[in-house]
C-alpha atoms as a PDB file:
ATOM      1  CA  MET A   1      -4.100 -18.001   9.167  1.00  0.00           C
ATOM      2  CA  ALA A   2      -2.001 -14.787   9.869  1.00  0.00           C
ATOM      3  CA  SER A   3      -3.605 -11.602   9.234  1.00  0.00           C
ATOM      4  CA  GLY A   4      -2.036  -8.381   8.144  1.00  0.00           C
ATOM      5  CA  SER A   5      -1.809  -5.330  10.296  1.00  0.00           C
ATOM      6  CA  PHE A   6      -0.628  -1.810   9.495  1.00  0.00           C
ATOM      7  CA  ALA A   7       1.586   0.528  12.367  1.00  0.00           C
ATOM      8  CA  ARG A   8       1.958   4.199  11.838  1.00  0.00           C
ATOM      9  CA  VAL A   9       5.731   4.750  11.632  1.00  0.00           C
ATOM     10  CA  ASP A  10       5.133   8.897  11.429  1.00  0.00           C
ATOM     11  CA  GLU A  11       2.978  11.061  10.619  1.00  0.00           C
ATOM     12  CA  GLN A  12       2.949  10.737   6.832  1.00  0.00           C
ATOM     13  CA  VAL A  13       4.036   6.597   6.920  1.00  0.00           C
ATOM     14  CA  LEU A  14       1.978   3.589   7.344  1.00  0.00           C
ATOM     15  CA  SER A  15       3.945   0.513   7.996  1.00  0.00           C
ATOM     16  CA  PHE A  16       2.122  -2.848   6.257  1.00  0.00           C
ATOM     17  CA  ALA A  17       3.112  -6.651   7.235  1.00  0.00           C
ATOM     18  CA  GLY A  18       1.604 -10.009   7.271  1.00  0.00           C
ATOM     19  CA  ARG A  19      -0.863 -11.122   4.912  1.00  0.00           C
ATOM     20  CA  TRP A  20      -3.222  -9.030   2.524  1.00  0.00           C
ATOM     21  CA  THR A  21      -5.580 -11.056   0.429  1.00  0.00           C
ATOM     22  CA  MET A  22      -9.164 -11.331   0.362  1.00  0.00           C
ATOM     23  CA  ALA A  23      -9.326 -13.582   3.163  1.00  0.00           C
ATOM     24  CA  THR A  24      -7.962 -10.626   5.425  1.00  0.00           C
ATOM     25  CA  VAL A  25      -8.590  -7.061   3.939  1.00  0.00           C
ATOM     26  CA  ARG A  26     -12.461  -7.344   5.530  1.00  0.00           C
ATOM     27  CA  GLU A  27     -11.378  -7.270   9.360  1.00  0.00           C
ATOM     28  CA  LEU A  28      -8.464  -4.698   8.398  1.00  0.00           C
ATOM     29  CA  TRP A  29     -10.509  -2.477   6.215  1.00  0.00           C
ATOM     30  CA  VAL A  30     -12.686  -0.771   8.735  1.00  0.00           C
ATOM     31  CA  ASP A  31      -9.535   0.324  10.752  1.00  0.00           C
ATOM     32  CA  LEU A  32      -7.191   1.320   7.764  1.00  0.00           C
ATOM     33  CA  SER A  33      -9.750   3.611   6.177  1.00  0.00           C
ATOM     34  CA  LYS A  34     -10.194   6.091   9.364  1.00  0.00           C
ATOM     35  CA  GLU A  35      -5.785   6.683   8.844  1.00  0.00           C
ATOM     36  CA  SER A  36      -4.869   9.471   6.622  1.00  0.00           C
ATOM     37  CA  PHE A  37      -1.025   8.776   5.310  1.00  0.00           C
ATOM     38  CA  ASN A  38       0.352   9.620   2.025  1.00  0.00           C
ATOM     39  CA  CYS A  39       3.426   6.668   1.975  1.00  0.00           C
ATOM     40  CA  ALA A  40       2.724   2.877   2.529  1.00  0.00           C
ATOM     41  CA  ASP A  41       5.861   1.199   3.469  1.00  0.00           C
ATOM     42  CA  LEU A  42       5.432  -2.500   1.849  1.00  0.00           C
ATOM     43  CA  GLU A  43       8.687  -3.860   3.124  1.00  0.00           C
ATOM     44  CA  LYS A  44       6.953  -6.371   5.983  1.00  0.00           C
ATOM     45  CA  ILE A  45       4.146  -7.748   2.906  1.00  0.00           C
ATOM     46  CA  GLU A  46       4.560 -11.672   3.651  1.00  0.00           C
ATOM     47  CA  GLN A  47       1.687 -11.695   0.818  1.00  0.00           C
ATOM     48  CA  ILE A  48      -0.426  -9.767  -1.204  1.00  0.00           C
ATOM     49  CA  ASP A  49      -2.800 -10.131  -3.797  1.00  0.00           C
ATOM     50  CA  SER A  50      -5.626  -7.902  -5.631  1.00  0.00           C
ATOM     51  CA  ALA A  51      -7.609  -6.693  -3.350  1.00  0.00           C
ATOM     52  CA  GLY A  52      -5.027  -5.816  -0.704  1.00  0.00           C
ATOM     53  CA  LEU A  53      -2.936  -3.794  -3.035  1.00  0.00           C
ATOM     54  CA  ALA A  54      -6.762  -2.147  -3.551  1.00  0.00           C
ATOM     55  CA  ALA A  55      -7.131  -1.561   0.215  1.00  0.00           C
ATOM     56  CA  ILE A  56      -4.141   0.118   0.770  1.00  0.00           C
ATOM     57  CA  ILE A  57      -4.277   1.882  -2.877  1.00  0.00           C
ATOM     58  CA  THR A  58      -7.894   3.299  -1.982  1.00  0.00           C
ATOM     59  CA  ALA A  59      -6.776   3.903   1.562  1.00  0.00           C
ATOM     60  CA  LEU A  60      -3.533   5.872   0.338  1.00  0.00           C
ATOM     61  CA  LEU A  61      -5.416   8.229  -2.360  1.00  0.00           C
ATOM     62  CA  SER A  62      -8.051   8.722   0.348  1.00  0.00           C
ATOM     63  CA  GLY A  63      -8.087  12.742   1.117  1.00  0.00           C
ATOM     64  CA  HIS A  64      -4.721  12.915  -1.049  1.00  0.00           C
ATOM     65  CA  ASP A  65      -6.362  14.819  -3.840  1.00  0.00           C
ATOM     66  CA  GLY A  66      -2.807  15.986  -6.197  1.00  0.00           C
ATOM     67  CA  GLN A  67      -0.469  15.214  -3.551  1.00  0.00           C
ATOM     68  CA  LYS A  68       2.143  13.187  -4.000  1.00  0.00           C
ATOM     69  CA  ILE A  69       2.062   9.206  -2.708  1.00  0.00           C
ATOM     70  CA  ASN A  70       4.541   6.627  -2.693  1.00  0.00           C
ATOM     71  CA  LEU A  71       4.911   2.975  -1.839  1.00  0.00           C
ATOM     72  CA  ARG A  72       8.318   2.260  -0.333  1.00  0.00           C
ATOM     73  CA  HIS A  73      10.036  -0.961  -0.373  1.00  0.00           C
ATOM     74  CA  CYS A  74       7.562  -2.265  -3.258  1.00  0.00           C
ATOM     75  CA  PRO A  75       8.160  -6.065  -3.466  1.00  0.00           C
ATOM     76  CA  GLU A  76       8.865  -7.730  -6.811  1.00  0.00           C
ATOM     77  CA  SER A  77       5.717  -9.722  -6.082  1.00  0.00           C
ATOM     78  CA  ILE A  78       3.304  -6.532  -6.101  1.00  0.00           C
ATOM     79  CA  LYS A  79       4.572  -5.326  -8.986  1.00  0.00           C
ATOM     80  CA  PRO A  80       2.881  -7.469 -11.989  1.00  0.00           C
ATOM     81  CA  LEU A  81      -0.498  -6.082  -9.831  1.00  0.00           C
ATOM     82  CA  VAL A  82       0.878  -2.507  -9.817  1.00  0.00           C
ATOM     83  CA  ALA A  83       0.908  -3.134 -13.651  1.00  0.00           C
ATOM     84  CA  LEU A  84      -2.421  -4.854 -13.887  1.00  0.00           C
ATOM     85  CA  TYR A  85      -3.960  -1.647 -12.047  1.00  0.00           C
ATOM     86  CA  GLY A  86      -2.619   0.620 -14.819  1.00  0.00           C
ATOM     87  CA  LEU A  87      -0.535   2.032 -12.563  1.00  0.00           C
ATOM     88  CA  GLU A  88       2.358   2.254 -14.125  1.00  0.00           C
ATOM     89  CA  PRO A  89       2.440   5.419 -15.952  1.00  0.00           C
ATOM     90  CA  TYR A  90       2.059   7.637 -12.982  1.00  0.00           C
ATOM     91  CA  LEU A  91       4.858   5.441 -10.895  1.00  0.00           C
ATOM     92  CA  VAL A  92       8.419   6.692 -10.865  1.00  0.00           C
ATOM     93  CA  HIS A  93      10.730   4.297  -9.812  1.00  0.00           C
ATOM     94  CA  SER A  94      13.400   5.218  -6.839  1.00  0.00           C
ATOM     95  CA  SER A  95      16.324   3.322  -5.194  1.00  0.00           C
ATOM     96  CA  GLU A  96      15.267   5.783  -1.505  1.00  0.00           C
ATOM     97  CA  ALA A  97      11.357   5.472  -1.809  1.00  0.00           C
ATOM     98  CA  GLY A  98      10.582   2.411  -4.088  1.00  0.00           C
ATOM     99  CA  LEU A  99       7.730   3.071  -5.976  1.00  0.00           C
ATOM    100  CA  THR A 100       6.566   6.672  -6.327  1.00  0.00           C
ATOM    101  CA  ALA A 101       3.143   7.913  -7.508  1.00  0.00           C
ATOM    102  CA  GLU A 102       2.566  12.018  -8.189  1.00  0.00           C
END
């Protein structure tokens, strides 16, 4: 089973790829939780469930009190999960950055 991965694009952006599911998040969390970033690029995500989205959002929000954060290239498949988490009121749709939360 292919796992998920992430790579630093620049000082502020991590790019996520592969499978981010309950089956893979546990092995990815230790390294992800050490990262500091304010933008998650989701363009290369192949599969994601609520556990994967929760891990990415939790890591993204860690240490960013009041700072602007965003999800770039948000796949359509993730949007129902965003709504389920109640994050839609905090998200603004943008053609450049995907979904943006302030």
